[in-house]
């Protein structure tokens, strides 16, 4: 953080989950998620975005596998008349 230059935040994104802003003088991205505020070096934003994309994909696969497992469990317990 450069103490000689005042912070000027630029809103990068905002949705139901939170917001992301950028301070050019500090070269920091601030993520606001609920009551939590995280300041990260701007160059790390790419890696965090990749991490979240992989986590989102893996979560989708997890839910799909769990749904298939539950569906198979229901089918094996049905009584045929």
N, C-alpha and C. Protein backbone atom coordinates (compact mmCIF):
# COMPACT_ATOMS: atom_id res chain seq x y z
N UNK A 1 0.85 -1.17 0.00
CA UNK A 1 0.00 0.00 0.00
C UNK A 1 0.89 1.24 0.00
N UNK A 2 0.64 2.12 -0.90
CA UNK A 2 1.37 3.37 -0.98
C UNK A 2 0.66 4.41 -0.12
N UNK A 3 1.30 4.85 0.96
CA UNK A 3 0.66 5.76 1.91
C UNK A 3 0.57 7.19 1.38
N UNK A 4 1.31 7.51 0.33
CA UNK A 4 1.29 8.86 -0.23
C UNK A 4 0.14 9.08 -1.21
N UNK A 5 -0.39 8.00 -1.74
CA UNK A 5 -1.48 8.10 -2.71
C UNK A 5 -2.75 7.55 -2.08
N UNK A 6 -3.83 8.35 -2.08
CA UNK A 6 -5.08 7.84 -1.49
C UNK A 6 -5.67 6.69 -2.31
N UNK A 7 -6.31 5.78 -1.63
CA UNK A 7 -6.94 4.65 -2.30
C UNK A 7 -8.18 5.11 -3.07
N UNK A 8 -8.26 4.67 -4.29
CA UNK A 8 -9.44 4.90 -5.11
C UNK A 8 -9.90 3.52 -5.58
N UNK A 9 -11.02 3.08 -5.04
CA UNK A 9 -11.50 1.74 -5.37
C UNK A 9 -12.39 1.78 -6.61
N UNK A 10 -12.17 0.81 -7.47
CA UNK A 10 -12.96 0.62 -8.67
C UNK A 10 -13.75 -0.66 -8.50
N UNK A 11 -15.07 -0.60 -8.66
CA UNK A 11 -15.89 -1.80 -8.54
C UNK A 11 -15.69 -2.66 -9.78
N UNK A 12 -15.22 -3.88 -9.58
CA UNK A 12 -15.00 -4.81 -10.68
C UNK A 12 -16.21 -5.69 -10.94
N UNK A 13 -16.85 -6.12 -9.86
CA UNK A 13 -18.00 -7.02 -10.00
C UNK A 13 -18.80 -7.02 -8.71
N UNK A 14 -20.10 -7.34 -8.87
CA UNK A 14 -20.97 -7.44 -7.71
C UNK A 14 -22.13 -8.36 -8.06
N UNK A 15 -22.47 -9.25 -7.13
CA UNK A 15 -23.66 -10.10 -7.28
C UNK A 15 -24.18 -10.47 -5.90
N UNK A 16 -25.06 -11.45 -5.84
CA UNK A 16 -25.69 -11.85 -4.57
C UNK A 16 -24.67 -12.35 -3.55
N UNK A 17 -23.55 -12.89 -4.02
CA UNK A 17 -22.54 -13.46 -3.12
C UNK A 17 -21.63 -12.40 -2.51
N UNK A 18 -21.46 -11.28 -3.22
CA UNK A 18 -20.55 -10.26 -2.70
C UNK A 18 -20.09 -9.32 -3.78
N UNK A 19 -18.89 -8.77 -3.57
CA UNK A 19 -18.35 -7.81 -4.53
C UNK A 19 -16.84 -7.93 -4.62
N UNK A 20 -16.30 -7.38 -5.71
CA UNK A 20 -14.86 -7.33 -5.91
C UNK A 20 -14.51 -5.92 -6.38
N UNK A 21 -13.56 -5.31 -5.69
CA UNK A 21 -13.11 -3.98 -6.04
C UNK A 21 -11.61 -3.97 -6.20
N UNK A 22 -11.10 -2.94 -6.88
CA UNK A 22 -9.67 -2.85 -7.14
C UNK A 22 -9.15 -1.49 -6.75
N UNK A 23 -8.02 -1.45 -6.06
CA UNK A 23 -7.32 -0.21 -5.74
C UNK A 23 -6.02 -0.20 -6.55
N UNK A 24 -5.97 0.72 -7.52
CA UNK A 24 -4.81 0.79 -8.40
C UNK A 24 -3.55 1.21 -7.65
N UNK A 25 -3.67 2.14 -6.71
CA UNK A 25 -2.48 2.61 -6.00
C UNK A 25 -1.87 1.52 -5.12
N UNK A 26 -2.70 0.64 -4.60
CA UNK A 26 -2.22 -0.47 -3.77
C UNK A 26 -1.98 -1.75 -4.57
N UNK A 27 -2.54 -1.80 -5.79
CA UNK A 27 -2.53 -3.00 -6.63
C UNK A 27 -3.11 -4.19 -5.87
N UNK A 28 -4.26 -3.94 -5.25
CA UNK A 28 -4.92 -4.93 -4.41
C UNK A 28 -6.37 -5.07 -4.85
N UNK A 29 -6.83 -6.31 -4.89
CA UNK A 29 -8.23 -6.61 -5.13
C UNK A 29 -8.85 -6.93 -3.78
N UNK A 30 -9.98 -6.30 -3.49
CA UNK A 30 -10.67 -6.56 -2.24
C UNK A 30 -11.96 -7.32 -2.55
N UNK A 31 -12.05 -8.53 -1.99
CA UNK A 31 -13.24 -9.35 -2.15
C UNK A 31 -14.09 -9.19 -0.90
N UNK A 32 -15.34 -8.83 -1.07
CA UNK A 32 -16.26 -8.72 0.04
C UNK A 32 -17.31 -9.80 -0.08
N UNK A 33 -17.32 -10.71 0.88
CA UNK A 33 -18.27 -11.82 0.89
C UNK A 33 -18.96 -11.81 2.25
N UNK A 34 -20.20 -11.34 2.26
CA UNK A 34 -20.90 -11.19 3.53
C UNK A 34 -20.15 -10.22 4.42
N UNK A 35 -19.86 -10.63 5.64
CA UNK A 35 -19.16 -9.78 6.59
C UNK A 35 -17.64 -9.91 6.47
N UNK A 36 -17.17 -10.71 5.52
CA UNK A 36 -15.75 -10.96 5.36
C UNK A 36 -15.19 -10.12 4.22
N UNK A 37 -14.05 -9.52 4.46
CA UNK A 37 -13.35 -8.74 3.45
C UNK A 37 -11.94 -9.30 3.31
N UNK A 38 -11.57 -9.66 2.08
CA UNK A 38 -10.26 -10.25 1.82
C UNK A 38 -9.52 -9.36 0.82
N UNK A 39 -8.32 -8.93 1.17
CA UNK A 39 -7.50 -8.13 0.27
C UNK A 39 -6.39 -9.02 -0.26
N UNK A 40 -6.29 -9.10 -1.58
CA UNK A 40 -5.28 -9.95 -2.20
C UNK A 40 -4.50 -9.14 -3.24
N UNK A 41 -3.27 -9.53 -3.46
CA UNK A 41 -2.46 -8.91 -4.51
C UNK A 41 -3.15 -9.18 -5.84
N UNK A 42 -3.29 -8.17 -6.66
CA UNK A 42 -4.05 -8.28 -7.90
C UNK A 42 -3.58 -9.41 -8.80
N UNK A 43 -2.29 -9.68 -8.82
CA UNK A 43 -1.77 -10.74 -9.68
C UNK A 43 -2.24 -12.12 -9.24
N UNK A 44 -2.67 -12.27 -7.99
CA UNK A 44 -3.17 -13.56 -7.50
C UNK A 44 -4.64 -13.79 -7.86
N UNK A 45 -5.33 -12.78 -8.35
CA UNK A 45 -6.74 -12.92 -8.69
C UNK A 45 -6.96 -14.04 -9.71
N UNK A 46 -6.11 -14.14 -10.70
CA UNK A 46 -6.22 -15.19 -11.72
C UNK A 46 -6.19 -16.57 -11.07
N UNK A 47 -5.25 -16.79 -10.17
CA UNK A 47 -5.10 -18.11 -9.54
C UNK A 47 -6.28 -18.44 -8.63
N UNK A 48 -6.78 -17.44 -7.95
CA UNK A 48 -7.96 -17.66 -7.10
C UNK A 48 -9.18 -17.97 -7.96
N UNK A 49 -9.31 -17.27 -9.09
CA UNK A 49 -10.42 -17.54 -10.01
C UNK A 49 -10.34 -18.98 -10.54
N UNK A 50 -9.13 -19.42 -10.90
CA UNK A 50 -8.95 -20.79 -11.38
C UNK A 50 -9.29 -21.80 -10.28
N UNK A 51 -8.87 -21.52 -9.07
CA UNK A 51 -9.17 -22.38 -7.93
C UNK A 51 -10.68 -22.53 -7.75
N UNK A 52 -11.40 -21.41 -7.81
CA UNK A 52 -12.85 -21.45 -7.62
C UNK A 52 -13.55 -22.14 -8.79
N UNK A 53 -13.04 -21.99 -10.00
CA UNK A 53 -13.63 -22.69 -11.16
C UNK A 53 -13.49 -24.20 -11.00
N UNK A 54 -12.32 -24.65 -10.59
CA UNK A 54 -12.10 -26.09 -10.38
C UNK A 54 -12.98 -26.59 -9.24
N UNK A 55 -13.05 -25.83 -8.16
CA UNK A 55 -13.90 -26.22 -7.04
C UNK A 55 -15.36 -26.31 -7.47
N UNK A 56 -15.83 -25.35 -8.27
CA UNK A 56 -17.21 -25.36 -8.75
C UNK A 56 -17.47 -26.58 -9.63
N UNK A 57 -16.56 -26.88 -10.53
CA UNK A 57 -16.69 -28.06 -11.39
C UNK A 57 -16.72 -29.34 -10.57
N UNK A 58 -15.82 -29.45 -9.61
CA UNK A 58 -15.77 -30.64 -8.76
C UNK A 58 -17.02 -30.76 -7.89
N UNK A 59 -17.56 -29.65 -7.45
CA UNK A 59 -18.80 -29.67 -6.66
C UNK A 59 -19.96 -30.16 -7.53
N UNK A 60 -20.00 -29.72 -8.77
CA UNK A 60 -21.05 -30.18 -9.69
C UNK A 60 -20.93 -31.69 -9.93
N UNK A 61 -19.72 -32.19 -10.11
CA UNK A 61 -19.50 -33.63 -10.29
C UNK A 61 -19.90 -34.41 -9.04
N UNK A 62 -19.58 -33.85 -7.89
CA UNK A 62 -19.94 -34.48 -6.62
C UNK A 62 -21.46 -34.62 -6.50
N UNK A 63 -22.17 -33.53 -6.78
CA UNK A 63 -23.64 -33.57 -6.69
C UNK A 63 -24.24 -34.53 -7.71
N UNK A 64 -23.67 -34.58 -8.90
CA UNK A 64 -24.16 -35.50 -9.93
C UNK A 64 -23.98 -36.95 -9.47
N UNK A 65 -22.80 -37.27 -8.95
CA UNK A 65 -22.52 -38.63 -8.48
C UNK A 65 -23.44 -38.99 -7.31
N UNK A 66 -23.66 -38.05 -6.42
CA UNK A 66 -24.53 -38.31 -5.28
C UNK A 66 -25.97 -38.54 -5.74
N UNK A 67 -26.45 -37.74 -6.70
CA UNK A 67 -27.80 -37.92 -7.24
C UNK A 67 -27.95 -39.28 -7.92
N UNK A 68 -26.94 -39.68 -8.68
CA UNK A 68 -26.98 -41.00 -9.34
C UNK A 68 -27.01 -42.12 -8.31
N UNK A 69 -26.19 -41.96 -7.26
CA UNK A 69 -26.14 -42.96 -6.20
C UNK A 69 -27.49 -43.09 -5.50
N UNK A 70 -28.12 -41.97 -5.21
CA UNK A 70 -29.43 -42.00 -4.56
C UNK A 70 -30.49 -42.59 -5.49
N UNK A 71 -30.41 -42.27 -6.77
CA UNK A 71 -31.36 -42.80 -7.74
C UNK A 71 -31.23 -44.32 -7.84
N UNK A 72 -29.99 -44.82 -7.87
CA UNK A 72 -29.76 -46.26 -7.93
C UNK A 72 -30.24 -46.94 -6.65
N UNK A 73 -30.07 -46.30 -5.52
CA UNK A 73 -30.51 -46.84 -4.25
C UNK A 73 -32.03 -46.97 -4.21
N UNK A 74 -32.73 -45.97 -4.72
CA UNK A 74 -34.21 -46.00 -4.76
C UNK A 74 -34.67 -47.11 -5.68
N UNK A 75 -34.04 -47.26 -6.84
CA UNK A 75 -34.44 -48.31 -7.79
C UNK A 75 -34.23 -49.70 -7.21
N UNK A 76 -33.17 -49.91 -6.46
CA UNK A 76 -32.90 -51.25 -5.93
C UNK A 76 -33.84 -51.61 -4.78
N UNK A 77 -34.48 -50.63 -4.16
CA UNK A 77 -35.38 -50.93 -3.05
C UNK A 77 -36.83 -50.96 -3.48
N UNK A 78 -37.13 -50.64 -4.75
CA UNK A 78 -38.54 -50.68 -5.21
C UNK A 78 -39.01 -52.12 -5.34
N UNK A 79 -40.24 -52.37 -4.99
CA UNK A 79 -40.83 -53.71 -5.08
C UNK A 79 -41.57 -53.81 -6.42
N UNK A 80 -41.30 -54.87 -7.15
CA UNK A 80 -41.96 -55.08 -8.43
C UNK A 80 -43.22 -55.91 -8.18
N UNK A 81 -44.37 -55.45 -8.69
CA UNK A 81 -45.64 -56.16 -8.49
C UNK A 81 -45.96 -57.01 -9.68
